[in-house]
């Protein structure tokens, strides 16, 4: 399943927020390595609206929004070296996005 399909399914689950925000649901963008948030909001079923807004920010921060929205297309039959490199980059970003989603969804909503 592609990232865009998985994210779409999460959006379609009907999980709704009650509109309340708490500090433990807030995303902390501090990072120990400068590249990845140290803690991320976890979808627990009732915090969908907040989680969705936060995960979109994480996707932008990690430069994977394009992969989420458009997915990764198959390579043409005889791809050029440049196409292979670009496709490899998209596949890495796709894997990164799946990793983020897996870290941000609890077992009941996975």
N, C-alpha and C. Protein backbone atom coordinates (compact mmCIF):
# COMPACT_ATOMS: atom_id res chain seq x y z
N UNK A 1 0.85 -1.16 0.00
CA UNK A 1 0.00 0.00 0.00
C UNK A 1 0.90 1.23 0.00
N UNK A 2 0.59 2.17 -0.86
CA UNK A 2 1.40 3.39 -0.94
C UNK A 2 1.07 4.32 0.22
N UNK A 3 1.94 5.28 0.43
CA UNK A 3 1.75 6.26 1.49
C UNK A 3 0.47 7.03 1.27
N UNK A 4 0.23 7.46 0.04
CA UNK A 4 -0.97 8.26 -0.22
C UNK A 4 -2.23 7.44 0.06
N UNK A 5 -2.21 6.14 -0.27
CA UNK A 5 -3.36 5.28 0.02
C UNK A 5 -3.53 5.10 1.53
N UNK A 6 -2.43 4.89 2.24
CA UNK A 6 -2.52 4.68 3.68
C UNK A 6 -3.01 5.94 4.38
N UNK A 7 -2.49 7.10 3.98
CA UNK A 7 -2.92 8.35 4.59
C UNK A 7 -4.40 8.62 4.27
N UNK A 8 -4.81 8.32 3.04
CA UNK A 8 -6.22 8.48 2.65
C UNK A 8 -7.11 7.60 3.53
N UNK A 9 -6.70 6.36 3.75
CA UNK A 9 -7.50 5.46 4.59
C UNK A 9 -7.61 5.98 6.00
N UNK A 10 -6.51 6.54 6.52
CA UNK A 10 -6.58 7.12 7.86
C UNK A 10 -7.57 8.28 7.90
N UNK A 11 -7.58 9.07 6.84
CA UNK A 11 -8.51 10.20 6.78
C UNK A 11 -9.95 9.73 6.69
N UNK A 12 -10.18 8.59 6.07
CA UNK A 12 -11.53 8.11 5.84
C UNK A 12 -12.09 7.26 6.98
N UNK A 13 -11.32 7.04 8.03
CA UNK A 13 -11.77 6.17 9.11
C UNK A 13 -12.90 6.77 9.92
N UNK A 14 -13.11 8.07 9.77
CA UNK A 14 -14.18 8.71 10.52
C UNK A 14 -13.79 9.05 11.95
N UNK A 15 -12.53 8.92 12.26
CA UNK A 15 -12.07 9.27 13.60
C UNK A 15 -12.20 10.78 13.74
N UNK A 16 -12.89 11.20 14.75
CA UNK A 16 -13.15 12.62 14.93
C UNK A 16 -12.56 13.12 16.24
N UNK A 17 -12.16 14.35 16.22
CA UNK A 17 -11.65 15.00 17.42
C UNK A 17 -12.81 15.62 18.17
N UNK A 18 -12.70 15.69 19.48
CA UNK A 18 -13.69 16.39 20.27
C UNK A 18 -13.34 17.86 20.38
N UNK A 19 -12.28 18.28 19.69
CA UNK A 19 -11.91 19.67 19.68
C UNK A 19 -11.05 20.09 20.85
N UNK A 20 -10.73 19.20 21.75
CA UNK A 20 -9.91 19.57 22.89
C UNK A 20 -8.45 19.29 22.58
N UNK A 21 -7.61 20.19 23.03
CA UNK A 21 -6.18 20.03 22.85
C UNK A 21 -5.53 19.94 24.21
N UNK A 22 -4.57 19.06 24.34
CA UNK A 22 -3.82 18.99 25.58
C UNK A 22 -2.34 19.03 25.23
N UNK A 23 -1.54 19.35 26.21
CA UNK A 23 -0.11 19.46 25.96
C UNK A 23 0.50 18.15 25.50
N UNK A 24 0.00 17.02 26.00
CA UNK A 24 0.59 15.76 25.57
C UNK A 24 0.21 15.39 24.14
N UNK A 25 -0.76 16.07 23.54
CA UNK A 25 -1.09 15.85 22.14
C UNK A 25 -0.34 16.80 21.21
N UNK A 26 0.29 17.81 21.77
CA UNK A 26 1.02 18.78 20.95
C UNK A 26 2.30 18.15 20.42
N UNK A 27 2.67 18.54 19.25
CA UNK A 27 3.92 18.04 18.68
C UNK A 27 5.07 18.90 19.15
N UNK A 28 6.11 18.26 19.53
CA UNK A 28 7.30 18.97 19.98
C UNK A 28 8.32 18.88 18.86
N UNK A 29 8.65 20.02 18.25
CA UNK A 29 9.54 20.01 17.11
C UNK A 29 11.02 20.05 17.50
N UNK A 30 11.30 20.00 18.80
CA UNK A 30 12.69 19.93 19.21
C UNK A 30 13.26 18.60 18.75
N UNK A 31 14.51 18.60 18.42
CA UNK A 31 15.11 17.41 17.86
C UNK A 31 16.50 17.19 18.43
N UNK A 32 16.82 15.94 18.65
CA UNK A 32 18.15 15.63 19.15
C UNK A 32 19.16 15.57 18.01
N UNK A 33 18.71 15.31 16.78
CA UNK A 33 19.64 15.22 15.66
C UNK A 33 19.45 16.33 14.63
N UNK A 34 18.52 17.23 14.86
CA UNK A 34 18.31 18.34 13.95
C UNK A 34 17.50 18.00 12.72
N UNK A 35 17.15 16.73 12.50
CA UNK A 35 16.42 16.32 11.30
C UNK A 35 15.04 15.77 11.57
N UNK A 36 14.79 15.29 12.76
CA UNK A 36 13.53 14.60 13.02
C UNK A 36 13.00 14.99 14.38
N UNK A 37 11.72 15.26 14.48
CA UNK A 37 11.14 15.65 15.77
C UNK A 37 11.41 14.59 16.84
N UNK A 38 11.72 15.04 18.04
CA UNK A 38 12.01 14.12 19.14
C UNK A 38 10.75 13.38 19.59
N UNK A 39 9.60 14.04 19.56
CA UNK A 39 8.35 13.38 19.89
C UNK A 39 7.28 13.87 18.92
N UNK A 40 6.38 12.96 18.60
CA UNK A 40 5.35 13.30 17.63
C UNK A 40 3.99 12.93 18.20
N UNK A 41 2.98 13.64 17.75
CA UNK A 41 1.62 13.35 18.15
C UNK A 41 1.23 11.96 17.66
N UNK A 42 0.50 11.23 18.49
CA UNK A 42 0.05 9.89 18.14
C UNK A 42 -1.46 9.90 17.98
N UNK A 43 -1.96 9.37 16.87
CA UNK A 43 -3.40 9.26 16.64
C UNK A 43 -3.95 8.20 17.59
N UNK A 44 -4.82 8.65 18.48
CA UNK A 44 -5.39 7.75 19.48
C UNK A 44 -6.89 7.59 19.31
N UNK A 45 -7.45 8.11 18.24
CA UNK A 45 -8.87 7.91 17.97
C UNK A 45 -9.72 9.14 18.15
N UNK A 46 -9.46 9.93 19.18
CA UNK A 46 -10.30 11.09 19.44
C UNK A 46 -9.59 12.40 19.15
N UNK A 47 -8.39 12.32 18.67
CA UNK A 47 -7.61 13.53 18.42
C UNK A 47 -7.29 13.68 16.94
N UNK A 48 -8.17 13.17 16.07
CA UNK A 48 -7.87 13.14 14.64
C UNK A 48 -7.60 14.53 14.06
N UNK A 49 -8.43 15.52 14.35
CA UNK A 49 -8.27 16.84 13.75
C UNK A 49 -6.91 17.44 14.11
N UNK A 50 -6.55 17.38 15.38
CA UNK A 50 -5.25 17.91 15.81
C UNK A 50 -4.12 17.10 15.20
N UNK A 51 -4.24 15.77 15.24
CA UNK A 51 -3.22 14.90 14.68
C UNK A 51 -3.01 15.17 13.20
N UNK A 52 -4.09 15.31 12.47
CA UNK A 52 -4.01 15.54 11.02
C UNK A 52 -3.26 16.84 10.73
N UNK A 53 -3.58 17.90 11.45
CA UNK A 53 -2.89 19.17 11.26
C UNK A 53 -1.40 19.03 11.58
N UNK A 54 -1.09 18.31 12.64
CA UNK A 54 0.30 18.14 13.04
C UNK A 54 1.08 17.25 12.08
N UNK A 55 0.46 16.19 11.60
CA UNK A 55 1.17 15.28 10.69
C UNK A 55 1.46 15.97 9.36
N UNK A 56 0.56 16.85 8.93
CA UNK A 56 0.81 17.62 7.70
C UNK A 56 2.03 18.51 7.85
N UNK A 57 2.20 19.10 9.04
CA UNK A 57 3.38 19.93 9.30
C UNK A 57 4.64 19.06 9.27
N UNK A 58 4.55 17.89 9.88
CA UNK A 58 5.71 16.98 9.87
C UNK A 58 6.05 16.59 8.45
N UNK A 59 5.04 16.28 7.64
CA UNK A 59 5.29 15.92 6.23
C UNK A 59 5.98 17.05 5.49
N UNK A 60 5.56 18.28 5.72
CA UNK A 60 6.22 19.42 5.07
C UNK A 60 7.65 19.57 5.58
N UNK A 61 7.83 19.45 6.89
CA UNK A 61 9.15 19.57 7.50
C UNK A 61 10.11 18.52 6.95
N UNK A 62 9.61 17.32 6.71
CA UNK A 62 10.42 16.22 6.19
C UNK A 62 10.47 16.17 4.67
N UNK A 63 9.82 17.13 4.00
CA UNK A 63 9.83 17.23 2.54
C UNK A 63 9.27 15.97 1.86
N UNK A 64 8.13 15.49 2.38
CA UNK A 64 7.51 14.30 1.81
C UNK A 64 6.06 14.54 1.37
N UNK A 65 5.60 15.77 1.42
CA UNK A 65 4.21 16.08 1.07
C UNK A 65 3.87 15.62 -0.35
N UNK A 66 4.78 15.82 -1.28
CA UNK A 66 4.56 15.42 -2.68
C UNK A 66 4.30 13.92 -2.77
N UNK A 67 5.05 13.13 -2.03
CA UNK A 67 4.88 11.68 -2.05
C UNK A 67 3.51 11.30 -1.48
N UNK A 68 3.10 11.97 -0.42
CA UNK A 68 1.80 11.69 0.20
C UNK A 68 0.68 12.00 -0.78
N UNK A 69 0.77 13.13 -1.45
CA UNK A 69 -0.30 13.58 -2.34
C UNK A 69 -0.32 12.84 -3.67
N UNK A 70 0.85 12.53 -4.22
CA UNK A 70 0.91 11.99 -5.57
C UNK A 70 1.34 10.53 -5.64
N UNK A 71 1.92 10.00 -4.59
CA UNK A 71 2.41 8.63 -4.61
C UNK A 71 3.68 8.52 -5.44
N UNK A 72 4.13 7.29 -5.63
CA UNK A 72 5.33 7.02 -6.42
C UNK A 72 4.91 6.20 -7.63
N UNK A 73 5.16 6.74 -8.79
CA UNK A 73 4.80 6.05 -10.03
C UNK A 73 5.87 5.02 -10.40
N UNK A 74 5.47 4.01 -11.13
CA UNK A 74 6.42 3.02 -11.63
C UNK A 74 7.34 3.66 -12.66
N UNK A 75 8.54 3.13 -12.76
CA UNK A 75 9.48 3.61 -13.77
C UNK A 75 9.02 3.16 -15.17
N UNK A 76 9.38 3.95 -16.17
CA UNK A 76 9.12 3.55 -17.56
C UNK A 76 9.98 2.34 -17.89
N UNK A 77 9.73 1.75 -19.06
CA UNK A 77 10.46 0.53 -19.45
C UNK A 77 11.96 0.72 -19.52
N UNK A 78 12.44 1.73 -20.17
CA UNK A 78 13.87 1.98 -20.29
C UNK A 78 14.22 3.33 -19.68
N UNK A 79 14.26 3.38 -18.36
CA UNK A 79 14.49 4.67 -17.71
C UNK A 79 15.93 5.16 -17.90
N UNK A 80 16.07 6.45 -17.93
CA UNK A 80 17.41 7.04 -17.98
C UNK A 80 18.02 6.96 -16.59
N UNK A 81 19.30 7.23 -16.51
CA UNK A 81 19.95 7.24 -15.20
C UNK A 81 19.34 8.30 -14.29
N UNK A 82 19.01 9.44 -14.87
CA UNK A 82 18.39 10.52 -14.08
C UNK A 82 17.02 10.08 -13.54
N UNK A 83 16.25 9.38 -14.35
CA UNK A 83 14.95 8.88 -13.89
C UNK A 83 15.11 7.85 -12.78
N UNK A 84 16.14 7.00 -12.90
CA UNK A 84 16.40 6.02 -11.86
C UNK A 84 16.76 6.69 -10.54
N UNK A 85 17.59 7.72 -10.60
CA UNK A 85 18.00 8.44 -9.40
C UNK A 85 16.79 9.14 -8.78
N UNK A 86 15.97 9.78 -9.61
CA UNK A 86 14.79 10.47 -9.11
C UNK A 86 13.81 9.48 -8.47
N UNK A 87 13.64 8.33 -9.11
CA UNK A 87 12.74 7.31 -8.59
C UNK A 87 13.26 6.76 -7.26
N UNK A 88 14.54 6.53 -7.16
CA UNK A 88 15.14 6.05 -5.92
C UNK A 88 14.90 7.06 -4.79
N UNK A 89 15.04 8.35 -5.11
CA UNK A 89 14.78 9.39 -4.11
C UNK A 89 13.32 9.36 -3.66
N UNK A 90 12.40 9.22 -4.60
CA UNK A 90 10.98 9.14 -4.25
C UNK A 90 10.68 7.92 -3.39
N UNK A 91 11.32 6.80 -3.71
CA UNK A 91 11.11 5.58 -2.91
C UNK A 91 11.62 5.76 -1.48
N UNK A 92 12.74 6.46 -1.33
CA UNK A 92 13.26 6.74 0.01
C UNK A 92 12.30 7.64 0.78
N UNK A 93 11.77 8.65 0.11
CA UNK A 93 10.82 9.56 0.75
C UNK A 93 9.52 8.83 1.08
N UNK A 94 9.12 7.89 0.25
CA UNK A 94 7.94 7.08 0.51
C UNK A 94 8.14 6.24 1.78
N UNK A 95 9.29 5.62 1.89
CA UNK A 95 9.60 4.81 3.07
C UNK A 95 9.67 5.69 4.32
N UNK A 96 10.24 6.87 4.19
CA UNK A 96 10.31 7.80 5.32
C UNK A 96 8.91 8.17 5.78
N UNK A 97 8.01 8.41 4.83
CA UNK A 97 6.65 8.79 5.16
C UNK A 97 5.91 7.65 5.86
N UNK A 98 6.09 6.43 5.38
CA UNK A 98 5.47 5.28 6.04
C UNK A 98 6.01 5.13 7.46
N UNK A 99 7.30 5.35 7.64
CA UNK A 99 7.88 5.29 8.97
C UNK A 99 7.22 6.31 9.89
N UNK A 100 7.04 7.53 9.40
CA UNK A 100 6.40 8.59 10.19
C UNK A 100 4.98 8.17 10.57
N UNK A 101 4.22 7.69 9.60
CA UNK A 101 2.84 7.28 9.88
C UNK A 101 2.81 6.16 10.92
N UNK A 102 3.69 5.20 10.78
CA UNK A 102 3.72 4.08 11.72
C UNK A 102 4.07 4.55 13.13
N UNK A 103 4.88 5.58 13.25
CA UNK A 103 5.25 6.10 14.56
C UNK A 103 4.13 6.94 15.17
N UNK A 104 3.23 7.43 14.33
CA UNK A 104 2.21 8.40 14.79
C UNK A 104 0.81 7.82 14.87
N UNK A 105 0.66 6.52 14.82
CA UNK A 105 -0.66 5.89 14.90
C UNK A 105 -0.57 4.77 15.95
N UNK A 106 -1.49 4.79 16.92
CA UNK A 106 -1.46 3.73 17.93
C UNK A 106 -2.00 2.43 17.34
N UNK A 107 -1.82 1.34 18.07
CA UNK A 107 -2.17 0.01 17.56
C UNK A 107 -3.64 -0.13 17.23
N UNK A 108 -4.52 0.54 17.97
CA UNK A 108 -5.96 0.43 17.72
C UNK A 108 -6.37 1.08 16.41
N UNK A 109 -5.60 2.05 15.93
CA UNK A 109 -5.94 2.76 14.70
C UNK A 109 -5.06 2.38 13.52
N UNK A 110 -4.16 1.45 13.71
CA UNK A 110 -3.22 1.08 12.66
C UNK A 110 -3.88 0.21 11.64
